[in-house]
Amino acid sequence: MDKNEAIDVFSALSQATRLDTFRLLMQHEPEGLAAGEIARQLGVPQNTMSSHLAILTRARLIEPERQSRTIIYRVVVDRIRQITSFLVQDCCGGRSDLCDPLVAEFTPCCTSKDPSHA
């Protein structure tokens, strides 16, 4: 990811409804949510939500998938990896011990909650 792509991502997320939308979709990975359900849960008119979804899609943070007459939106998880890597690529001047707490922040969200996978 280059600097201009990062700016596009941050620009897309720099508005409250879009940030709320993105975070809601993160909670619903990998199944995603229908556009109407996103609008309903966030209390946003559907035409306004369409504009926000388009901006997030152009930044490649989310992607739509048509299922019959419904459009399901999902987060592009690889894009999150790219922006996170961009932010920390020069982390701590090569001192991994300083980055360990940062890495630890991501571990709880990425471990299985299913005890059979422990």
N, C-alpha and C. Protein backbone atom coordinates (compact mmCIF):
# COMPACT_ATOMS: atom_id res chain seq x y z
N MET A 1 0.86 -1.17 0.00
CA MET A 1 0.00 0.00 0.00
C MET A 1 0.90 1.23 0.00
N ASP A 2 0.55 2.17 -0.84
CA ASP A 2 1.33 3.41 -0.86
C ASP A 2 0.60 4.50 -0.06
N LYS A 3 1.25 5.62 0.09
CA LYS A 3 0.72 6.71 0.91
C LYS A 3 -0.64 7.20 0.40
N ASN A 4 -0.81 7.31 -0.92
CA ASN A 4 -2.08 7.80 -1.46
C ASN A 4 -3.23 6.83 -1.18
N GLU A 5 -2.96 5.53 -1.26
CA GLU A 5 -3.99 4.54 -0.92
C GLU A 5 -4.36 4.65 0.56
N ALA A 6 -3.37 4.83 1.41
CA ALA A 6 -3.62 4.98 2.84
C ALA A 6 -4.49 6.21 3.11
N ILE A 7 -4.20 7.29 2.42
CA ILE A 7 -4.99 8.52 2.58
C ILE A 7 -6.43 8.28 2.15
N ASP A 8 -6.65 7.51 1.07
CA ASP A 8 -8.01 7.17 0.64
C ASP A 8 -8.75 6.38 1.72
N VAL A 9 -8.05 5.44 2.33
CA VAL A 9 -8.66 4.63 3.40
C VAL A 9 -9.03 5.52 4.58
N PHE A 10 -8.09 6.34 5.02
CA PHE A 10 -8.35 7.21 6.17
C PHE A 10 -9.45 8.23 5.86
N SER A 11 -9.46 8.72 4.65
CA SER A 11 -10.50 9.67 4.24
C SER A 11 -11.88 9.01 4.31
N ALA A 12 -11.96 7.79 3.82
CA ALA A 12 -13.24 7.06 3.84
C ALA A 12 -13.73 6.83 5.27
N LEU A 13 -12.81 6.60 6.18
CA LEU A 13 -13.18 6.30 7.57
C LEU A 13 -13.29 7.55 8.45
N SER A 14 -13.03 8.73 7.87
CA SER A 14 -12.99 9.95 8.68
C SER A 14 -14.35 10.61 8.86
N GLN A 15 -15.40 9.88 8.63
CA GLN A 15 -16.76 10.39 8.81
C GLN A 15 -17.48 9.40 9.73
N ALA A 16 -18.24 9.90 10.67
CA ALA A 16 -18.81 9.07 11.74
C ALA A 16 -19.67 7.91 11.23
N THR A 17 -20.58 8.18 10.29
CA THR A 17 -21.46 7.11 9.81
C THR A 17 -20.66 6.04 9.08
N ARG A 18 -19.67 6.44 8.30
CA ARG A 18 -18.85 5.45 7.59
C ARG A 18 -18.02 4.63 8.56
N LEU A 19 -17.48 5.27 9.58
CA LEU A 19 -16.72 4.53 10.58
C LEU A 19 -17.64 3.56 11.32
N ASP A 20 -18.83 4.00 11.69
CA ASP A 20 -19.80 3.11 12.35
C ASP A 20 -20.18 1.94 11.43
N THR A 21 -20.35 2.23 10.15
CA THR A 21 -20.69 1.20 9.17
C THR A 21 -19.57 0.16 9.08
N PHE A 22 -18.36 0.64 8.95
CA PHE A 22 -17.22 -0.25 8.85
C PHE A 22 -17.12 -1.14 10.10
N ARG A 23 -17.25 -0.54 11.27
CA ARG A 23 -17.14 -1.31 12.52
C ARG A 23 -18.29 -2.32 12.65
N LEU A 24 -19.48 -1.93 12.22
CA LEU A 24 -20.61 -2.86 12.23
C LEU A 24 -20.33 -4.05 11.32
N LEU A 25 -19.81 -3.77 10.13
CA LEU A 25 -19.50 -4.87 9.20
C LEU A 25 -18.38 -5.76 9.73
N MET A 26 -17.42 -5.18 10.44
CA MET A 26 -16.36 -5.99 11.05
C MET A 26 -16.97 -6.98 12.05
N GLN A 27 -18.00 -6.55 12.76
CA GLN A 27 -18.65 -7.43 13.73
C GLN A 27 -19.39 -8.58 13.05
N HIS A 28 -19.71 -8.40 11.79
CA HIS A 28 -20.52 -9.39 11.06
C HIS A 28 -19.72 -10.13 10.00
N GLU A 29 -18.41 -10.17 10.17
CA GLU A 29 -17.58 -10.97 9.29
C GLU A 29 -17.68 -12.43 9.71
N PRO A 30 -17.75 -13.36 8.80
CA PRO A 30 -17.64 -13.23 7.35
C PRO A 30 -18.98 -13.16 6.62
N GLU A 31 -20.10 -13.25 7.35
CA GLU A 31 -21.40 -13.33 6.67
C GLU A 31 -21.84 -12.02 6.04
N GLY A 32 -21.39 -10.89 6.57
CA GLY A 32 -21.77 -9.59 6.02
C GLY A 32 -23.19 -9.21 6.40
N LEU A 33 -23.60 -8.05 5.89
CA LEU A 33 -24.95 -7.55 6.16
C LEU A 33 -25.52 -6.93 4.89
N ALA A 34 -26.82 -7.01 4.78
CA ALA A 34 -27.52 -6.35 3.67
C ALA A 34 -27.50 -4.84 3.88
N ALA A 35 -27.48 -4.11 2.79
CA ALA A 35 -27.44 -2.65 2.85
C ALA A 35 -28.60 -2.10 3.69
N GLY A 36 -29.79 -2.61 3.49
CA GLY A 36 -30.94 -2.15 4.25
C GLY A 36 -30.81 -2.41 5.74
N GLU A 37 -30.22 -3.54 6.09
CA GLU A 37 -30.03 -3.87 7.50
C GLU A 37 -28.99 -2.96 8.14
N ILE A 38 -27.95 -2.61 7.40
CA ILE A 38 -26.95 -1.67 7.90
C ILE A 38 -27.63 -0.33 8.20
N ALA A 39 -28.42 0.15 7.23
CA ALA A 39 -29.11 1.42 7.41
C ALA A 39 -30.05 1.37 8.61
N ARG A 40 -30.77 0.26 8.75
CA ARG A 40 -31.71 0.11 9.87
C ARG A 40 -30.97 0.13 11.21
N GLN A 41 -29.90 -0.67 11.32
CA GLN A 41 -29.18 -0.76 12.59
C GLN A 41 -28.53 0.57 12.99
N LEU A 42 -28.11 1.34 12.00
CA LEU A 42 -27.45 2.62 12.31
C LEU A 42 -28.42 3.80 12.30
N GLY A 43 -29.68 3.55 11.92
CA GLY A 43 -30.67 4.63 11.91
C GLY A 43 -30.38 5.69 10.86
N VAL A 44 -29.93 5.24 9.69
CA VAL A 44 -29.55 6.15 8.60
C VAL A 44 -30.51 5.91 7.43
N PRO A 45 -31.01 6.97 6.78
CA PRO A 45 -31.85 6.77 5.59
C PRO A 45 -31.10 5.95 4.53
N GLN A 46 -31.83 5.09 3.82
CA GLN A 46 -31.18 4.19 2.86
C GLN A 46 -30.43 4.92 1.75
N ASN A 47 -30.97 6.04 1.27
CA ASN A 47 -30.25 6.75 0.20
C ASN A 47 -28.94 7.35 0.72
N THR A 48 -28.94 7.82 1.96
CA THR A 48 -27.71 8.33 2.57
C THR A 48 -26.73 7.19 2.79
N MET A 49 -27.23 6.04 3.25
CA MET A 49 -26.37 4.88 3.47
C MET A 49 -25.74 4.43 2.16
N SER A 50 -26.47 4.49 1.07
CA SER A 50 -25.91 4.10 -0.23
C SER A 50 -24.68 4.93 -0.57
N SER A 51 -24.73 6.21 -0.29
CA SER A 51 -23.58 7.08 -0.55
C SER A 51 -22.38 6.67 0.31
N HIS A 52 -22.63 6.41 1.57
CA HIS A 52 -21.55 6.00 2.47
C HIS A 52 -20.95 4.66 2.04
N LEU A 53 -21.81 3.72 1.66
CA LEU A 53 -21.32 2.42 1.21
C LEU A 53 -20.48 2.55 -0.06
N ALA A 54 -20.87 3.45 -0.94
CA ALA A 54 -20.11 3.67 -2.17
C ALA A 54 -18.71 4.20 -1.86
N ILE A 55 -18.60 5.10 -0.91
CA ILE A 55 -17.29 5.66 -0.54
C ILE A 55 -16.41 4.58 0.07
N LEU A 56 -16.96 3.76 0.95
CA LEU A 56 -16.20 2.67 1.56
C LEU A 56 -15.79 1.63 0.51
N THR A 57 -16.65 1.41 -0.47
CA THR A 57 -16.33 0.47 -1.54
C THR A 57 -15.21 1.02 -2.42
N ARG A 58 -15.26 2.31 -2.76
CA ARG A 58 -14.19 2.90 -3.59
C ARG A 58 -12.84 2.85 -2.89
N ALA A 59 -12.85 2.93 -1.57
CA ALA A 59 -11.60 2.83 -0.80
C ALA A 59 -11.18 1.36 -0.64
N ARG A 60 -11.98 0.46 -1.16
CA ARG A 60 -11.75 -0.99 -1.12
C ARG A 60 -11.70 -1.53 0.30
N LEU A 61 -12.46 -0.90 1.19
CA LEU A 61 -12.59 -1.38 2.56
C LEU A 61 -13.70 -2.42 2.68
N ILE A 62 -14.70 -2.30 1.83
CA ILE A 62 -15.82 -3.25 1.80
C ILE A 62 -16.08 -3.63 0.35
N GLU A 63 -16.81 -4.74 0.19
CA GLU A 63 -17.20 -5.13 -1.16
C GLU A 63 -18.63 -5.66 -1.14
N PRO A 64 -19.37 -5.32 -2.19
CA PRO A 64 -20.75 -5.79 -2.28
C PRO A 64 -20.83 -7.13 -3.02
N GLU A 65 -21.83 -7.90 -2.65
CA GLU A 65 -22.13 -9.14 -3.37
C GLU A 65 -23.64 -9.23 -3.53
N ARG A 66 -24.08 -9.32 -4.76
CA ARG A 66 -25.52 -9.42 -5.01
C ARG A 66 -25.98 -10.84 -4.72
N GLN A 67 -27.04 -10.95 -3.92
CA GLN A 67 -27.69 -12.22 -3.65
C GLN A 67 -29.16 -12.03 -3.93
N SER A 68 -29.57 -12.45 -5.12
CA SER A 68 -30.93 -12.23 -5.60
C SER A 68 -31.17 -10.71 -5.71
N ARG A 69 -32.12 -10.18 -4.93
CA ARG A 69 -32.38 -8.74 -4.99
C ARG A 69 -31.71 -7.98 -3.85
N THR A 70 -30.91 -8.67 -3.08
CA THR A 70 -30.26 -8.07 -1.93
C THR A 70 -28.77 -7.90 -2.20
N ILE A 71 -28.20 -6.81 -1.71
CA ILE A 71 -26.76 -6.61 -1.81
C ILE A 71 -26.19 -6.75 -0.41
N ILE A 72 -25.29 -7.73 -0.27
CA ILE A 72 -24.62 -7.99 1.01
C ILE A 72 -23.25 -7.33 0.96
N TYR A 73 -22.92 -6.62 2.02
CA TYR A 73 -21.61 -5.97 2.12
C TYR A 73 -20.75 -6.71 3.14
N ARG A 74 -19.49 -6.87 2.78
CA ARG A 74 -18.51 -7.50 3.65
C ARG A 74 -17.24 -6.67 3.68
N VAL A 75 -16.51 -6.76 4.76
CA VAL A 75 -15.22 -6.10 4.88
C VAL A 75 -14.20 -6.85 4.03
N VAL A 76 -13.31 -6.11 3.42
CA VAL A 76 -12.18 -6.71 2.69
C VAL A 76 -11.06 -6.85 3.73
N VAL A 77 -11.00 -8.01 4.36
CA VAL A 77 -10.08 -8.22 5.48
C VAL A 77 -8.63 -8.01 5.05
N ASP A 78 -8.29 -8.41 3.84
CA ASP A 78 -6.92 -8.22 3.38
C ASP A 78 -6.55 -6.74 3.32
N ARG A 79 -7.53 -5.90 3.03
CA ARG A 79 -7.27 -4.45 3.00
C ARG A 79 -6.94 -3.93 4.41
N ILE A 80 -7.57 -4.52 5.41
CA ILE A 80 -7.28 -4.13 6.79
C ILE A 80 -5.85 -4.54 7.14
N ARG A 81 -5.46 -5.71 6.69
CA ARG A 81 -4.08 -6.15 6.90
C ARG A 81 -3.12 -5.19 6.23
N GLN A 82 -3.43 -4.76 5.01
CA GLN A 82 -2.56 -3.84 4.28
C GLN A 82 -2.41 -2.50 5.01
N ILE A 83 -3.52 -1.93 5.48
CA ILE A 83 -3.43 -0.62 6.12
C ILE A 83 -2.73 -0.74 7.48
N THR A 84 -2.98 -1.83 8.19
CA THR A 84 -2.29 -2.04 9.46
C THR A 84 -0.80 -2.19 9.24
N SER A 85 -0.42 -2.98 8.24
CA SER A 85 1.00 -3.16 7.92
C SER A 85 1.64 -1.84 7.51
N PHE A 86 0.91 -1.04 6.73
CA PHE A 86 1.42 0.27 6.32
C PHE A 86 1.72 1.14 7.54
N LEU A 87 0.81 1.12 8.51
CA LEU A 87 0.97 1.96 9.70
C LEU A 87 2.15 1.56 10.57
N VAL A 88 2.44 0.28 10.62
CA VAL A 88 3.48 -0.18 11.55
C VAL A 88 4.74 -0.70 10.85
N GLN A 89 4.87 -0.48 9.56
CA GLN A 89 6.00 -1.06 8.84
C GLN A 89 7.36 -0.61 9.36
N ASP A 90 7.44 0.56 9.93
CA ASP A 90 8.71 1.04 10.48
C ASP A 90 8.65 1.10 12.00
N CYS A 91 7.81 0.28 12.57
CA CYS A 91 7.55 0.31 14.02
C CYS A 91 8.81 0.09 14.84
N CYS A 92 9.00 0.97 15.76
CA CYS A 92 9.96 0.78 16.86
C CYS A 92 11.41 0.65 16.40
N GLY A 93 11.73 1.12 15.23
CA GLY A 93 13.12 1.09 14.77
C GLY A 93 13.76 -0.28 14.80
N GLY A 94 12.96 -1.32 14.53
CA GLY A 94 13.51 -2.67 14.50
C GLY A 94 13.54 -3.36 15.85
N ARG A 95 13.08 -2.70 16.90
CA ARG A 95 13.06 -3.32 18.24
C ARG A 95 11.73 -4.02 18.45
N SER A 96 11.71 -5.30 18.14
CA SER A 96 10.47 -6.07 18.21
C SER A 96 9.87 -6.07 19.61
N ASP A 97 10.70 -5.96 20.66
CA ASP A 97 10.16 -5.96 22.02
C ASP A 97 9.22 -4.77 22.25
N LEU A 98 9.45 -3.68 21.55
CA LEU A 98 8.58 -2.52 21.68
C LEU A 98 7.26 -2.72 20.94
N CYS A 99 7.28 -3.57 19.91
CA CYS A 99 6.06 -3.82 19.12
C CYS A 99 5.21 -4.95 19.70
N ASP A 100 5.76 -5.73 20.61
CA ASP A 100 5.01 -6.86 21.18
C ASP A 100 3.66 -6.45 21.76
N PRO A 101 3.57 -5.34 22.51
CA PRO A 101 2.24 -4.94 23.03
C PRO A 101 1.24 -4.62 21.91
N LEU A 102 1.72 -4.06 20.82
CA LEU A 102 0.85 -3.77 19.69
C LEU A 102 0.31 -5.06 19.09
N VAL A 103 1.17 -6.01 18.87
CA VAL A 103 0.76 -7.30 18.32
C VAL A 103 -0.23 -7.98 19.27
N ALA A 104 0.03 -7.88 20.56
CA ALA A 104 -0.84 -8.50 21.56
C ALA A 104 -2.26 -7.92 21.52
N GLU A 105 -2.40 -6.65 21.13
CA GLU A 105 -3.72 -6.03 21.02
C GLU A 105 -4.60 -6.74 20.00
N PHE A 106 -4.01 -7.28 18.95
CA PHE A 106 -4.77 -7.93 17.88
C PHE A 106 -5.05 -9.39 18.17
N THR A 107 -4.30 -10.00 19.03
CA THR A 107 -4.42 -11.43 19.28
C THR A 107 -5.80 -11.84 19.79
N PRO A 108 -6.40 -11.15 20.79
CA PRO A 108 -7.70 -11.60 21.28
C PRO A 108 -8.79 -11.61 20.22
N CYS A 109 -8.76 -10.67 19.29
CA CYS A 109 -9.83 -10.62 18.29
C CYS A 109 -9.65 -11.69 17.22
N CYS A 110 -8.50 -12.27 17.15
CA CYS A 110 -8.20 -13.20 16.07
C CYS A 110 -8.11 -14.65 16.53
N THR A 111 -8.36 -14.91 17.79
CA THR A 111 -8.32 -16.28 18.28
C THR A 111 -9.72 -16.86 18.28
N SER A 112 -9.80 -18.14 18.12
CA SER A 112 -11.08 -18.82 18.06
C SER A 112 -11.80 -18.73 19.40
N LYS A 113 -13.09 -18.45 19.35
CA LYS A 113 -13.90 -18.44 20.56
C LYS A 113 -14.52 -19.81 20.79
N ASP A 114 -14.32 -20.71 19.85
CA ASP A 114 -14.85 -22.07 19.92
C ASP A 114 -13.87 -22.94 20.71
N PRO A 115 -14.29 -23.46 21.89
CA PRO A 115 -13.37 -24.22 22.71
C PRO A 115 -12.83 -25.47 22.01
N SER A 116 -13.53 -25.98 21.01
CA SER A 116 -13.04 -27.18 20.30
C SER A 116 -11.84 -26.86 19.42
N HIS A 117 -11.54 -25.55 19.20
CA HIS A 117 -10.40 -25.16 18.40
C HIS A 117 -9.20 -24.78 19.26
N ALA A 118 -9.32 -24.95 20.56
CA ALA A 118 -8.24 -24.57 21.47
C ALA A 118 -7.12 -25.60 21.49
